[in-house]
N, C-alpha and C. Protein backbone atom coordinates (compact mmCIF):
# COMPACT_ATOMS: atom_id res chain seq x y z
N MET A 1 14.18 -48.96 37.41
CA MET A 1 13.66 -48.36 38.62
C MET A 1 12.40 -49.13 39.05
N VAL A 2 12.30 -49.39 40.33
CA VAL A 2 11.17 -50.13 40.87
C VAL A 2 10.00 -49.17 41.11
N ALA A 3 8.81 -49.61 40.73
CA ALA A 3 7.61 -48.80 40.98
C ALA A 3 7.37 -48.72 42.48
N VAL A 4 7.09 -47.53 42.95
CA VAL A 4 6.81 -47.33 44.37
C VAL A 4 5.31 -47.50 44.56
N ASN A 5 4.89 -48.74 44.80
CA ASN A 5 3.46 -49.00 44.94
C ASN A 5 3.11 -49.62 46.29
N ASN A 6 4.12 -49.74 47.15
CA ASN A 6 3.85 -50.25 48.48
C ASN A 6 4.65 -49.44 49.50
N ILE A 7 4.29 -49.59 50.75
CA ILE A 7 4.89 -48.78 51.80
C ILE A 7 6.36 -49.11 52.02
N TRP A 8 6.76 -50.34 51.81
CA TRP A 8 8.18 -50.69 51.97
C TRP A 8 9.05 -49.83 51.06
N TYR A 9 8.70 -49.79 49.78
CA TYR A 9 9.49 -49.01 48.82
C TYR A 9 9.35 -47.51 49.08
N TYR A 10 8.15 -47.07 49.48
CA TYR A 10 7.95 -45.65 49.75
C TYR A 10 8.84 -45.20 50.91
N PHE A 11 8.86 -45.99 51.98
CA PHE A 11 9.71 -45.69 53.13
C PHE A 11 11.16 -45.63 52.68
N ARG A 12 11.60 -46.62 51.94
CA ARG A 12 12.99 -46.72 51.47
C ARG A 12 13.38 -45.50 50.64
N ASN A 13 12.49 -45.11 49.73
CA ASN A 13 12.79 -43.99 48.84
C ASN A 13 12.76 -42.64 49.55
N LYS A 14 11.81 -42.44 50.45
CA LYS A 14 11.66 -41.14 51.10
C LYS A 14 12.65 -40.94 52.25
N LEU A 15 12.96 -42.01 53.00
CA LEU A 15 13.81 -41.86 54.17
C LEU A 15 15.22 -42.42 53.95
N ASP A 16 15.45 -42.99 52.78
CA ASP A 16 16.77 -43.54 52.43
C ASP A 16 17.27 -44.49 53.52
N ALA A 17 16.35 -45.36 53.96
CA ALA A 17 16.67 -46.33 55.00
C ALA A 17 15.80 -47.57 54.81
N ASP A 18 16.29 -48.68 55.29
CA ASP A 18 15.54 -49.94 55.22
C ASP A 18 14.43 -49.92 56.25
N PRO A 19 13.18 -50.15 55.85
CA PRO A 19 12.08 -50.17 56.81
C PRO A 19 12.16 -51.32 57.81
N GLN A 20 12.93 -52.34 57.50
CA GLN A 20 13.17 -53.50 58.36
C GLN A 20 11.92 -54.31 58.68
N ASP A 21 10.89 -54.18 57.88
CA ASP A 21 9.68 -54.99 58.04
C ASP A 21 9.24 -55.42 56.65
N GLU A 22 9.60 -56.63 56.30
CA GLU A 22 9.32 -57.12 54.95
C GLU A 22 7.82 -57.17 54.66
N THR A 23 6.98 -57.26 55.68
CA THR A 23 5.54 -57.32 55.43
C THR A 23 5.00 -56.01 54.87
N LEU A 24 5.76 -54.92 54.98
CA LEU A 24 5.33 -53.65 54.40
C LEU A 24 5.29 -53.72 52.87
N ARG A 25 5.93 -54.71 52.30
CA ARG A 25 5.84 -54.92 50.85
C ARG A 25 4.42 -55.32 50.45
N ASP A 26 3.65 -55.84 51.42
CA ASP A 26 2.27 -56.26 51.17
C ASP A 26 1.26 -55.14 51.44
N LEU A 27 1.73 -53.98 51.85
CA LEU A 27 0.84 -52.86 52.17
C LEU A 27 0.83 -51.85 51.03
N PRO A 28 -0.23 -51.87 50.22
CA PRO A 28 -0.31 -50.93 49.10
C PRO A 28 -0.44 -49.48 49.58
N ILE A 29 0.19 -48.58 48.88
CA ILE A 29 0.11 -47.16 49.23
C ILE A 29 -1.33 -46.67 49.13
N ASN A 30 -2.09 -47.19 48.20
CA ASN A 30 -3.44 -46.67 47.97
C ASN A 30 -4.50 -47.33 48.86
N SER A 31 -4.09 -48.11 49.85
CA SER A 31 -5.05 -48.67 50.81
C SER A 31 -5.25 -47.67 51.94
N GLY A 32 -6.24 -47.89 52.78
CA GLY A 32 -6.49 -46.99 53.91
C GLY A 32 -5.29 -46.88 54.82
N CYS A 33 -4.76 -48.01 55.26
CA CYS A 33 -3.60 -48.01 56.14
C CYS A 33 -2.37 -47.48 55.40
N GLY A 34 -2.27 -47.79 54.13
CA GLY A 34 -1.15 -47.31 53.32
C GLY A 34 -1.14 -45.80 53.22
N ARG A 35 -2.30 -45.19 53.05
CA ARG A 35 -2.37 -43.73 52.99
C ARG A 35 -1.96 -43.10 54.32
N ASP A 36 -2.39 -43.72 55.44
CA ASP A 36 -1.98 -43.22 56.76
C ASP A 36 -0.47 -43.33 56.92
N CYS A 37 0.10 -44.47 56.54
CA CYS A 37 1.54 -44.67 56.65
C CYS A 37 2.30 -43.71 55.75
N LYS A 38 1.77 -43.45 54.57
CA LYS A 38 2.40 -42.51 53.64
C LYS A 38 2.47 -41.12 54.27
N ARG A 39 1.40 -40.69 54.93
CA ARG A 39 1.41 -39.39 55.59
C ARG A 39 2.47 -39.33 56.69
N ILE A 40 2.60 -40.43 57.44
CA ILE A 40 3.62 -40.50 58.49
C ILE A 40 5.02 -40.38 57.87
N ILE A 41 5.26 -41.15 56.83
CA ILE A 41 6.56 -41.14 56.16
C ILE A 41 6.87 -39.75 55.61
N ASP A 42 5.87 -39.12 55.01
CA ASP A 42 6.08 -37.77 54.47
C ASP A 42 6.46 -36.78 55.57
N ALA A 43 5.81 -36.89 56.73
CA ALA A 43 6.13 -36.00 57.85
C ALA A 43 7.56 -36.24 58.34
N TYR A 44 7.94 -37.51 58.46
CA TYR A 44 9.30 -37.82 58.89
C TYR A 44 10.32 -37.38 57.84
N ALA A 45 9.98 -37.48 56.57
CA ALA A 45 10.90 -37.06 55.51
C ALA A 45 11.15 -35.55 55.59
N LYS A 46 10.10 -34.78 55.90
CA LYS A 46 10.28 -33.32 56.05
C LYS A 46 11.20 -33.02 57.23
N LEU A 47 10.99 -33.72 58.32
CA LEU A 47 11.85 -33.53 59.49
C LEU A 47 13.29 -33.95 59.19
N LYS A 48 13.43 -35.08 58.50
CA LYS A 48 14.77 -35.57 58.15
C LYS A 48 15.51 -34.56 57.28
N ALA A 49 14.80 -33.91 56.37
CA ALA A 49 15.43 -32.92 55.50
C ALA A 49 16.01 -31.76 56.32
N LYS A 50 15.38 -31.46 57.43
CA LYS A 50 15.86 -30.36 58.28
C LYS A 50 17.06 -30.75 59.13
N ILE A 51 17.16 -32.04 59.50
CA ILE A 51 18.25 -32.46 60.40
C ILE A 51 19.33 -33.26 59.69
N ASP A 52 19.17 -33.50 58.41
CA ASP A 52 20.12 -34.34 57.66
C ASP A 52 21.58 -33.93 57.83
N PRO A 53 21.89 -32.66 57.98
CA PRO A 53 23.30 -32.34 58.19
C PRO A 53 23.83 -32.87 59.53
N HIS A 54 22.96 -33.33 60.39
CA HIS A 54 23.35 -33.84 61.70
C HIS A 54 23.08 -35.34 61.76
N PRO A 55 24.00 -36.16 61.26
CA PRO A 55 23.75 -37.60 61.13
C PRO A 55 23.42 -38.30 62.45
N HIS A 56 23.90 -37.78 63.57
CA HIS A 56 23.58 -38.43 64.84
C HIS A 56 22.10 -38.32 65.18
N CYS A 57 21.39 -37.43 64.52
CA CYS A 57 19.94 -37.28 64.73
C CYS A 57 19.11 -38.13 63.77
N VAL A 58 19.70 -38.52 62.66
CA VAL A 58 18.93 -39.23 61.63
C VAL A 58 18.56 -40.64 62.07
N ASP A 59 19.48 -41.37 62.67
CA ASP A 59 19.18 -42.75 63.07
C ASP A 59 18.00 -42.83 64.05
N PRO A 60 17.95 -42.02 65.09
CA PRO A 60 16.79 -42.07 65.98
C PRO A 60 15.49 -41.68 65.28
N LEU A 61 15.58 -40.74 64.34
CA LEU A 61 14.40 -40.33 63.60
C LEU A 61 13.87 -41.50 62.76
N VAL A 62 14.75 -42.19 62.06
CA VAL A 62 14.34 -43.32 61.23
C VAL A 62 13.76 -44.43 62.11
N GLU A 63 14.38 -44.67 63.24
CA GLU A 63 13.87 -45.70 64.17
C GLU A 63 12.48 -45.33 64.67
N SER A 64 12.27 -44.08 64.94
CA SER A 64 10.95 -43.61 65.37
C SER A 64 9.92 -43.79 64.25
N ALA A 65 10.31 -43.49 63.02
CA ALA A 65 9.40 -43.69 61.88
C ALA A 65 9.04 -45.16 61.75
N ARG A 66 10.01 -46.05 61.90
CA ARG A 66 9.73 -47.50 61.85
C ARG A 66 8.72 -47.89 62.90
N ALA A 67 8.89 -47.39 64.12
CA ALA A 67 7.99 -47.73 65.22
C ALA A 67 6.58 -47.21 64.95
N CYS A 68 6.48 -46.00 64.47
CA CYS A 68 5.18 -45.40 64.19
C CYS A 68 4.44 -46.17 63.10
N ILE A 69 5.14 -46.50 62.04
CA ILE A 69 4.55 -47.28 60.95
C ILE A 69 4.11 -48.64 61.47
N SER A 70 4.90 -49.24 62.31
CA SER A 70 4.57 -50.56 62.87
C SER A 70 3.27 -50.51 63.66
N ILE A 71 3.05 -49.43 64.40
CA ILE A 71 1.81 -49.29 65.17
C ILE A 71 0.61 -49.25 64.23
N TYR A 72 0.71 -48.50 63.17
CA TYR A 72 -0.39 -48.44 62.20
C TYR A 72 -0.60 -49.78 61.51
N TRP A 73 0.46 -50.43 61.11
CA TRP A 73 0.41 -51.64 60.32
C TRP A 73 0.04 -52.86 61.16
N HIS A 74 0.64 -53.01 62.31
CA HIS A 74 0.42 -54.21 63.10
C HIS A 74 -0.52 -53.99 64.30
N GLY A 75 -0.80 -52.74 64.58
CA GLY A 75 -1.71 -52.46 65.69
C GLY A 75 -1.06 -52.41 67.03
C-alpha cells in the first residue's frame, strides 16, 4: 500500500478517481496549500458518498473537485 502523503494520492484514495494533474504528487498534505486541498477533497468525498448511487452525478462532481484543487494549487 502506498503512503498517502501527497494530494495526488489523497484525491485518488478519497474520490476513487485520477486527479489528472501529476504535479499534485509534489504537493504534501501537511503543507499550507495541501491542508486547504485536503479540506476540499474531504468535502467532495462527503458529497460523493451521498450521490454515489447515481453515477451520472459522480463524474461532474469529480471534475468540479479537480477544478477547485487546480485553483488552489496553480492559482
